[in-house]
Every structure is written in structure tokens, then in C-alpha cells.
N, C-alpha and C. Protein backbone atom coordinates (compact mmCIF):
# COMPACT_ATOMS: atom_id res chain seq x y z
N UNK A 1 -8.68 -1.45 13.85
CA UNK A 1 -9.39 -1.06 12.64
C UNK A 1 -9.26 -2.17 11.60
N UNK A 2 -10.34 -2.44 10.94
CA UNK A 2 -10.33 -3.41 9.85
C UNK A 2 -10.17 -2.66 8.53
N UNK A 3 -9.15 -3.06 7.75
CA UNK A 3 -8.88 -2.43 6.46
C UNK A 3 -9.23 -3.42 5.37
N UNK A 4 -10.20 -3.03 4.53
CA UNK A 4 -10.66 -3.91 3.46
C UNK A 4 -10.42 -3.22 2.12
N UNK A 5 -9.53 -3.83 1.33
CA UNK A 5 -9.20 -3.31 0.00
C UNK A 5 -9.81 -4.25 -1.02
N UNK A 6 -10.63 -3.70 -1.88
CA UNK A 6 -11.25 -4.50 -2.94
C UNK A 6 -11.22 -3.70 -4.23
N UNK A 7 -10.47 -4.21 -5.19
CA UNK A 7 -10.25 -3.50 -6.45
C UNK A 7 -9.73 -2.10 -6.17
N UNK A 8 -10.46 -1.07 -6.51
CA UNK A 8 -10.00 0.31 -6.32
C UNK A 8 -10.68 1.00 -5.15
N UNK A 9 -11.03 0.26 -4.13
CA UNK A 9 -11.68 0.89 -2.99
C UNK A 9 -11.07 0.38 -1.68
N UNK A 10 -11.17 1.23 -0.68
CA UNK A 10 -10.72 0.90 0.67
C UNK A 10 -11.86 1.23 1.61
N UNK A 11 -12.34 0.22 2.30
CA UNK A 11 -13.45 0.39 3.25
C UNK A 11 -14.62 1.17 2.63
N UNK A 12 -14.87 0.93 1.36
CA UNK A 12 -15.99 1.55 0.67
C UNK A 12 -15.70 2.88 0.00
N UNK A 13 -14.53 3.45 0.25
CA UNK A 13 -14.12 4.69 -0.42
C UNK A 13 -13.45 4.32 -1.74
N UNK A 14 -13.94 4.87 -2.84
CA UNK A 14 -13.45 4.50 -4.18
C UNK A 14 -12.47 5.52 -4.72
N UNK A 15 -11.32 5.02 -5.18
CA UNK A 15 -10.36 5.90 -5.84
C UNK A 15 -10.97 6.47 -7.11
N UNK A 16 -10.62 7.70 -7.43
CA UNK A 16 -11.12 8.34 -8.64
C UNK A 16 -12.42 9.09 -8.44
N UNK A 17 -13.08 8.89 -7.31
CA UNK A 17 -14.34 9.58 -7.05
C UNK A 17 -14.09 10.86 -6.27
N UNK A 18 -15.09 11.72 -6.27
CA UNK A 18 -15.03 12.98 -5.54
C UNK A 18 -15.87 12.83 -4.28
N UNK A 19 -15.32 13.24 -3.15
CA UNK A 19 -16.02 13.17 -1.87
C UNK A 19 -15.97 14.53 -1.20
N UNK A 20 -17.00 14.83 -0.44
CA UNK A 20 -16.94 16.04 0.38
C UNK A 20 -16.03 15.73 1.57
N UNK A 21 -15.43 16.75 2.11
CA UNK A 21 -14.54 16.53 3.25
C UNK A 21 -15.29 15.95 4.44
N UNK A 22 -16.56 16.30 4.58
CA UNK A 22 -17.36 15.77 5.68
C UNK A 22 -17.55 14.26 5.56
N UNK A 23 -17.60 13.76 4.34
CA UNK A 23 -17.79 12.32 4.12
C UNK A 23 -16.53 11.53 4.47
N UNK A 24 -15.41 12.21 4.60
CA UNK A 24 -14.14 11.53 4.84
C UNK A 24 -13.57 11.78 6.23
N UNK A 25 -14.43 12.05 7.17
CA UNK A 25 -13.97 12.28 8.53
C UNK A 25 -13.70 10.94 9.20
N UNK A 26 -12.54 10.42 8.98
CA UNK A 26 -12.13 9.13 9.53
C UNK A 26 -10.70 9.29 10.02
N UNK A 27 -10.50 9.19 11.30
CA UNK A 27 -9.18 9.44 11.88
C UNK A 27 -8.19 8.30 11.62
N UNK A 28 -8.66 7.14 11.19
CA UNK A 28 -7.78 5.99 11.01
C UNK A 28 -7.33 5.79 9.56
N UNK A 29 -7.97 6.46 8.63
CA UNK A 29 -7.62 6.34 7.21
C UNK A 29 -7.24 7.73 6.71
N UNK A 30 -6.20 7.78 5.89
CA UNK A 30 -5.72 9.04 5.34
C UNK A 30 -6.06 9.10 3.85
N UNK A 31 -6.45 10.27 3.38
CA UNK A 31 -6.89 10.46 2.01
C UNK A 31 -6.02 11.50 1.32
N UNK A 32 -5.73 11.26 0.05
CA UNK A 32 -4.99 12.22 -0.76
C UNK A 32 -5.81 12.52 -2.01
N UNK A 33 -5.89 13.79 -2.36
CA UNK A 33 -6.72 14.22 -3.48
C UNK A 33 -5.90 14.81 -4.61
N UNK A 34 -6.44 14.71 -5.80
CA UNK A 34 -5.88 15.37 -6.97
C UNK A 34 -5.92 16.87 -6.68
N UNK A 35 -4.82 17.54 -6.89
CA UNK A 35 -4.75 18.97 -6.59
C UNK A 35 -5.44 19.84 -7.64
N UNK A 36 -5.87 19.24 -8.75
CA UNK A 36 -6.57 19.98 -9.79
C UNK A 36 -7.99 20.31 -9.38
N UNK A 37 -8.75 20.77 -10.33
CA UNK A 37 -10.13 21.17 -10.07
C UNK A 37 -11.02 20.01 -9.66
N UNK A 38 -10.70 18.81 -10.11
CA UNK A 38 -11.61 17.69 -9.86
C UNK A 38 -11.64 17.25 -8.40
N UNK A 39 -10.53 17.43 -7.67
CA UNK A 39 -10.44 16.99 -6.28
C UNK A 39 -10.78 15.51 -6.11
N UNK A 40 -10.41 14.71 -7.12
CA UNK A 40 -10.66 13.27 -7.06
C UNK A 40 -9.76 12.62 -6.00
N UNK A 41 -10.25 11.57 -5.41
CA UNK A 41 -9.49 10.79 -4.44
C UNK A 41 -8.46 9.97 -5.20
N UNK A 42 -7.15 10.16 -4.91
CA UNK A 42 -6.11 9.47 -5.67
C UNK A 42 -5.27 8.51 -4.83
N UNK A 43 -5.37 8.59 -3.51
CA UNK A 43 -4.64 7.64 -2.66
C UNK A 43 -5.33 7.54 -1.31
N UNK A 44 -5.31 6.33 -0.77
CA UNK A 44 -5.88 6.07 0.55
C UNK A 44 -4.86 5.24 1.30
N UNK A 45 -4.61 5.60 2.55
CA UNK A 45 -3.64 4.83 3.33
C UNK A 45 -4.07 4.68 4.78
N UNK A 46 -3.48 3.69 5.41
CA UNK A 46 -3.67 3.46 6.84
C UNK A 46 -2.31 3.10 7.42
N UNK A 47 -2.11 3.43 8.67
CA UNK A 47 -0.82 3.20 9.31
C UNK A 47 -0.95 2.29 10.51
N UNK A 48 0.14 1.59 10.81
CA UNK A 48 0.22 0.67 11.96
C UNK A 48 -0.89 -0.37 11.92
N UNK A 49 -0.90 -1.14 10.85
CA UNK A 49 -1.94 -2.14 10.60
C UNK A 49 -1.40 -3.54 10.88
N UNK A 50 -2.13 -4.33 11.65
CA UNK A 50 -1.70 -5.70 11.93
C UNK A 50 -2.12 -6.66 10.82
N UNK A 51 -3.23 -6.34 10.15
CA UNK A 51 -3.73 -7.19 9.06
C UNK A 51 -4.63 -6.36 8.17
N UNK A 52 -4.84 -6.86 6.96
CA UNK A 52 -5.78 -6.22 6.05
C UNK A 52 -6.29 -7.27 5.08
N UNK A 53 -7.37 -6.93 4.40
CA UNK A 53 -7.95 -7.82 3.39
C UNK A 53 -7.70 -7.20 2.02
N UNK A 54 -7.20 -8.02 1.11
CA UNK A 54 -6.97 -7.58 -0.26
C UNK A 54 -7.74 -8.51 -1.18
N UNK A 55 -8.81 -7.99 -1.78
CA UNK A 55 -9.67 -8.78 -2.66
C UNK A 55 -10.09 -10.09 -1.99
N UNK A 56 -10.59 -9.97 -0.78
CA UNK A 56 -11.12 -11.06 0.03
C UNK A 56 -10.07 -12.01 0.59
N UNK A 57 -8.79 -11.69 0.48
CA UNK A 57 -7.74 -12.52 1.05
C UNK A 57 -7.13 -11.77 2.24
N UNK A 58 -7.09 -12.46 3.38
CA UNK A 58 -6.54 -11.86 4.58
C UNK A 58 -5.01 -11.88 4.53
N UNK A 59 -4.39 -10.71 4.68
CA UNK A 59 -2.94 -10.58 4.69
C UNK A 59 -2.53 -10.17 6.11
N UNK A 60 -1.67 -10.97 6.70
CA UNK A 60 -1.14 -10.68 8.03
C UNK A 60 0.38 -10.62 7.94
N UNK A 61 0.99 -10.17 9.01
CA UNK A 61 2.45 -10.16 9.04
C UNK A 61 2.99 -11.58 8.91
N UNK A 62 2.28 -12.55 9.50
CA UNK A 62 2.72 -13.95 9.46
C UNK A 62 2.65 -14.57 8.07
N UNK A 63 1.68 -14.18 7.24
CA UNK A 63 1.58 -14.78 5.90
C UNK A 63 2.10 -13.85 4.80
N UNK A 64 2.72 -12.74 5.17
CA UNK A 64 3.21 -11.78 4.18
C UNK A 64 4.30 -12.37 3.30
N UNK A 65 5.18 -13.18 3.85
CA UNK A 65 6.24 -13.80 3.05
C UNK A 65 5.63 -14.65 1.94
N UNK A 66 4.59 -15.41 2.25
CA UNK A 66 3.90 -16.21 1.25
C UNK A 66 3.26 -15.32 0.18
N UNK A 67 2.67 -14.22 0.59
CA UNK A 67 2.08 -13.25 -0.34
C UNK A 67 3.16 -12.69 -1.27
N UNK A 68 4.34 -12.39 -0.72
CA UNK A 68 5.45 -11.89 -1.54
C UNK A 68 5.87 -12.91 -2.59
N UNK A 69 5.95 -14.16 -2.20
CA UNK A 69 6.40 -15.21 -3.11
C UNK A 69 5.43 -15.43 -4.27
N UNK A 70 4.16 -15.14 -4.06
CA UNK A 70 3.14 -15.39 -5.08
C UNK A 70 2.88 -14.20 -5.99
N UNK A 71 3.48 -13.06 -5.71
CA UNK A 71 3.19 -11.84 -6.46
C UNK A 71 4.46 -11.17 -6.94
N UNK A 72 4.34 -10.49 -8.08
CA UNK A 72 5.44 -9.68 -8.59
C UNK A 72 5.50 -8.40 -7.77
N UNK A 73 6.69 -8.04 -7.35
CA UNK A 73 6.82 -6.92 -6.43
C UNK A 73 8.08 -6.11 -6.74
N UNK A 74 7.96 -4.80 -6.59
CA UNK A 74 9.12 -3.91 -6.62
C UNK A 74 9.52 -3.70 -5.17
N UNK A 75 10.80 -3.75 -4.88
CA UNK A 75 11.26 -3.63 -3.50
C UNK A 75 12.28 -2.51 -3.41
N UNK A 76 12.08 -1.64 -2.42
CA UNK A 76 13.05 -0.59 -2.16
C UNK A 76 13.43 -0.65 -0.69
N UNK A 77 14.71 -0.86 -0.43
CA UNK A 77 15.20 -0.94 0.94
C UNK A 77 15.75 0.40 1.39
N UNK A 78 15.39 0.77 2.61
CA UNK A 78 15.93 1.95 3.26
C UNK A 78 16.61 1.49 4.54
N UNK A 79 17.24 2.38 5.25
CA UNK A 79 17.96 1.99 6.47
C UNK A 79 17.04 1.30 7.47
N UNK A 80 15.87 1.86 7.71
CA UNK A 80 14.98 1.33 8.74
C UNK A 80 13.65 0.81 8.21
N UNK A 81 13.49 0.78 6.89
CA UNK A 81 12.21 0.33 6.33
C UNK A 81 12.41 -0.31 4.97
N UNK A 82 11.40 -1.07 4.58
CA UNK A 82 11.35 -1.66 3.24
C UNK A 82 9.99 -1.35 2.64
N UNK A 83 10.00 -0.88 1.39
CA UNK A 83 8.78 -0.55 0.68
C UNK A 83 8.55 -1.61 -0.39
N UNK A 84 7.34 -2.15 -0.42
CA UNK A 84 6.95 -3.16 -1.41
C UNK A 84 5.85 -2.56 -2.28
N UNK A 85 6.08 -2.51 -3.58
CA UNK A 85 5.07 -2.01 -4.52
C UNK A 85 4.54 -3.19 -5.32
N UNK A 86 3.25 -3.41 -5.22
CA UNK A 86 2.58 -4.47 -5.97
C UNK A 86 1.82 -3.82 -7.11
N UNK A 87 2.43 -3.84 -8.30
CA UNK A 87 1.86 -3.14 -9.46
C UNK A 87 0.49 -3.68 -9.85
N UNK A 88 0.31 -4.96 -9.68
CA UNK A 88 -0.97 -5.59 -10.05
C UNK A 88 -2.13 -5.02 -9.24
N UNK A 89 -1.86 -4.62 -8.01
CA UNK A 89 -2.91 -4.14 -7.11
C UNK A 89 -2.87 -2.63 -6.88
N UNK A 90 -1.86 -1.92 -7.41
CA UNK A 90 -1.67 -0.49 -7.12
C UNK A 90 -1.58 -0.26 -5.61
N UNK A 91 -0.73 -1.04 -4.98
CA UNK A 91 -0.62 -0.96 -3.53
C UNK A 91 0.84 -0.88 -3.12
N UNK A 92 1.10 -0.09 -2.10
CA UNK A 92 2.43 0.03 -1.50
C UNK A 92 2.31 -0.37 -0.04
N UNK A 93 3.19 -1.26 0.39
CA UNK A 93 3.21 -1.71 1.77
C UNK A 93 4.58 -1.39 2.35
N UNK A 94 4.59 -0.76 3.51
CA UNK A 94 5.85 -0.38 4.16
C UNK A 94 5.99 -1.16 5.46
N UNK A 95 7.16 -1.78 5.61
CA UNK A 95 7.51 -2.46 6.86
C UNK A 95 8.67 -1.73 7.50
N UNK A 96 8.63 -1.58 8.82
CA UNK A 96 9.74 -1.00 9.56
C UNK A 96 10.54 -2.11 10.20
N UNK A 97 11.85 -1.98 10.18
CA UNK A 97 12.71 -2.98 10.80
C UNK A 97 12.40 -3.09 12.28
N UNK A 98 12.24 -4.33 12.74
CA UNK A 98 12.02 -4.58 14.16
C UNK A 98 10.58 -4.55 14.63
N UNK A 99 9.63 -4.35 13.72
CA UNK A 99 8.22 -4.29 14.11
C UNK A 99 7.43 -5.36 13.38
N UNK A 100 6.46 -5.95 14.06
CA UNK A 100 5.64 -7.03 13.51
C UNK A 100 4.27 -6.54 13.05
N UNK A 101 4.25 -5.44 12.34
CA UNK A 101 3.01 -4.94 11.75
C UNK A 101 3.38 -4.17 10.49
N UNK A 102 2.36 -3.81 9.72
CA UNK A 102 2.57 -3.03 8.51
C UNK A 102 2.58 -1.55 8.91
N UNK A 103 3.69 -0.89 8.68
CA UNK A 103 3.80 0.52 9.05
C UNK A 103 2.82 1.37 8.25
N UNK A 104 2.66 1.02 6.97
CA UNK A 104 1.69 1.72 6.12
C UNK A 104 1.22 0.80 5.01
N UNK A 105 -0.05 0.88 4.73
CA UNK A 105 -0.66 0.22 3.57
C UNK A 105 -1.33 1.32 2.78
N UNK A 106 -0.91 1.50 1.53
CA UNK A 106 -1.40 2.59 0.70
C UNK A 106 -1.83 2.05 -0.65
N UNK A 107 -3.03 2.42 -1.07
CA UNK A 107 -3.52 2.06 -2.41
C UNK A 107 -3.61 3.36 -3.21
N UNK A 108 -3.14 3.30 -4.46
CA UNK A 108 -3.09 4.51 -5.28
C UNK A 108 -3.85 4.31 -6.59
N UNK A 109 -4.32 5.43 -7.12
CA UNK A 109 -5.12 5.48 -8.34
C UNK A 109 -4.23 5.28 -9.57
N UNK A 110 -4.82 4.80 -10.65
CA UNK A 110 -4.10 4.62 -11.92
C UNK A 110 -3.46 5.92 -12.39
N UNK A 111 -4.08 7.04 -12.09
CA UNK A 111 -3.57 8.34 -12.56
C UNK A 111 -2.21 8.69 -11.95
N UNK A 112 -1.84 8.08 -10.83
CA UNK A 112 -0.52 8.35 -10.23
C UNK A 112 0.34 7.09 -10.15
N UNK A 113 -0.07 6.07 -10.86
CA UNK A 113 0.67 4.80 -10.88
C UNK A 113 2.13 5.02 -11.26
N UNK A 114 2.37 5.83 -12.27
CA UNK A 114 3.73 6.09 -12.74
C UNK A 114 4.57 6.74 -11.65
N UNK A 115 3.98 7.61 -10.87
CA UNK A 115 4.69 8.29 -9.80
C UNK A 115 5.27 7.28 -8.81
N UNK A 116 4.49 6.30 -8.43
CA UNK A 116 4.95 5.29 -7.47
C UNK A 116 5.89 4.28 -8.12
N UNK A 117 5.51 3.76 -9.26
CA UNK A 117 6.24 2.64 -9.85
C UNK A 117 7.49 3.05 -10.60
N UNK A 118 7.44 4.10 -11.40
CA UNK A 118 8.61 4.50 -12.17
C UNK A 118 9.67 5.17 -11.32
N UNK A 119 9.26 5.97 -10.35
CA UNK A 119 10.25 6.59 -9.48
C UNK A 119 10.98 5.54 -8.66
N UNK A 120 10.27 4.56 -8.20
CA UNK A 120 10.90 3.48 -7.46
C UNK A 120 11.85 2.71 -8.36
N UNK A 121 11.41 2.44 -9.58
CA UNK A 121 12.24 1.69 -10.52
C UNK A 121 13.52 2.43 -10.84
N UNK A 122 13.47 3.74 -10.88
CA UNK A 122 14.66 4.53 -11.23
C UNK A 122 15.72 4.51 -10.13
N UNK A 123 15.31 4.33 -8.89
CA UNK A 123 16.26 4.45 -7.79
C UNK A 123 16.57 3.15 -7.06
N UNK A 124 15.82 2.11 -7.30
CA UNK A 124 16.00 0.87 -6.54
C UNK A 124 16.88 -0.11 -7.29
N UNK A 125 17.77 -0.75 -6.56
CA UNK A 125 18.60 -1.80 -7.16
C UNK A 125 17.94 -3.16 -7.05
N UNK A 126 16.84 -3.23 -6.35
CA UNK A 126 16.16 -4.51 -6.11
C UNK A 126 14.93 -4.69 -6.98
N UNK A 127 14.82 -3.96 -8.06
CA UNK A 127 13.60 -3.97 -8.86
C UNK A 127 13.29 -5.36 -9.39
N UNK A 128 12.05 -5.69 -9.28
CA UNK A 128 11.48 -6.93 -9.80
C UNK A 128 12.11 -8.20 -9.22
N UNK A 129 12.83 -8.08 -8.17
CA UNK A 129 13.40 -9.28 -7.55
C UNK A 129 12.48 -9.76 -6.46
N UNK A 130 12.43 -11.04 -6.30
CA UNK A 130 11.75 -11.60 -5.15
C UNK A 130 12.69 -11.42 -3.96
N UNK A 131 12.17 -11.22 -2.78
CA UNK A 131 13.06 -11.07 -1.64
C UNK A 131 13.83 -12.37 -1.40
N UNK A 132 15.10 -12.27 -1.12
CA UNK A 132 15.91 -13.45 -0.85
C UNK A 132 15.53 -14.06 0.50
N UNK A 133 15.24 -13.22 1.43
CA UNK A 133 14.84 -13.70 2.75
C UNK A 133 13.93 -12.65 3.37
N UNK A 134 12.87 -13.11 3.94
CA UNK A 134 11.95 -12.23 4.65
C UNK A 134 12.16 -12.51 6.13
N UNK A 135 12.61 -11.55 6.86
CA UNK A 135 12.93 -11.76 8.26
C UNK A 135 11.73 -11.46 9.13
N UNK A 136 11.33 -12.44 9.89
CA UNK A 136 10.27 -12.24 10.86
C UNK A 136 10.93 -11.92 12.19
N UNK A 137 10.60 -10.81 12.75
CA UNK A 137 11.22 -10.38 13.99
C UNK A 137 10.23 -10.60 15.11
N UNK A 138 10.61 -11.37 16.07
CA UNK A 138 9.72 -11.69 17.20
C UNK A 138 9.93 -10.73 18.34
């Protein structure tokens, strides 16, 4: 599957808009909606991704370290995974230890930005640090 993120959209689906459930029948992309009356699209994610495009730039597992070095990132380490939050893009990228792909790529709406960024900031000791070493596992 090709994942194309451009501004606030993923593969043509725009965050903040309302879609019928029939319009979102896509088994490879996951959608999250505002639970209020509006039913606006507030998050879009894909799992087990080898590469994706972010504002016309191809991001792969091989060039991810370079992408990290060029961007401000919040980092949260878990036992078997690392979560990277890129506030500039409203995107969360999850890597699993021992795997050479992106476990999850998630883009979130401005309306829930605080949920992702502030909660991470409250619990992470690695906030706003650049990674000391990015391990590529072959």
C-alpha cells in the first residue's frame, strides 16, 4: 500500500471532514472519528508500512534517521517500541524493536493535538531530545 500524507490529508482523506462510513471502506487505513455529533475525522493511521510520503518527501526505514535529525521530535521509549511525535506535522510514528518497517504511522487533527503531545510530554523523559543513536536492525 502506498501511504501519501500531505498537510492534513492521507491518501485524499482530509482530517476535520465528515465522511460516510461507506466512503471509508478501506481495509489498509484506519479511521478515528470525533465522538460528538459532528463525527469529524480526527485521526488516520496505517500499520506495517515500509515507506510513506510526507509532503512529497519519501520516508523509508533507511532514511528515517536522517529525517529524525532534521526535525524536532518528541520521543517515548517503551520496552519493545519507540514512539516519535513530530509536532510540526501532527504525526506519530511507531517503531518496534527488531523490525525494519514502521509499525504504525498516524496523523492526527489539531483538535486532538494536545492529547498526543501533552500526554507524551508529561510521561516521557526523552522529550525534545534528538535520538542519541538510531539502531538499524538487519
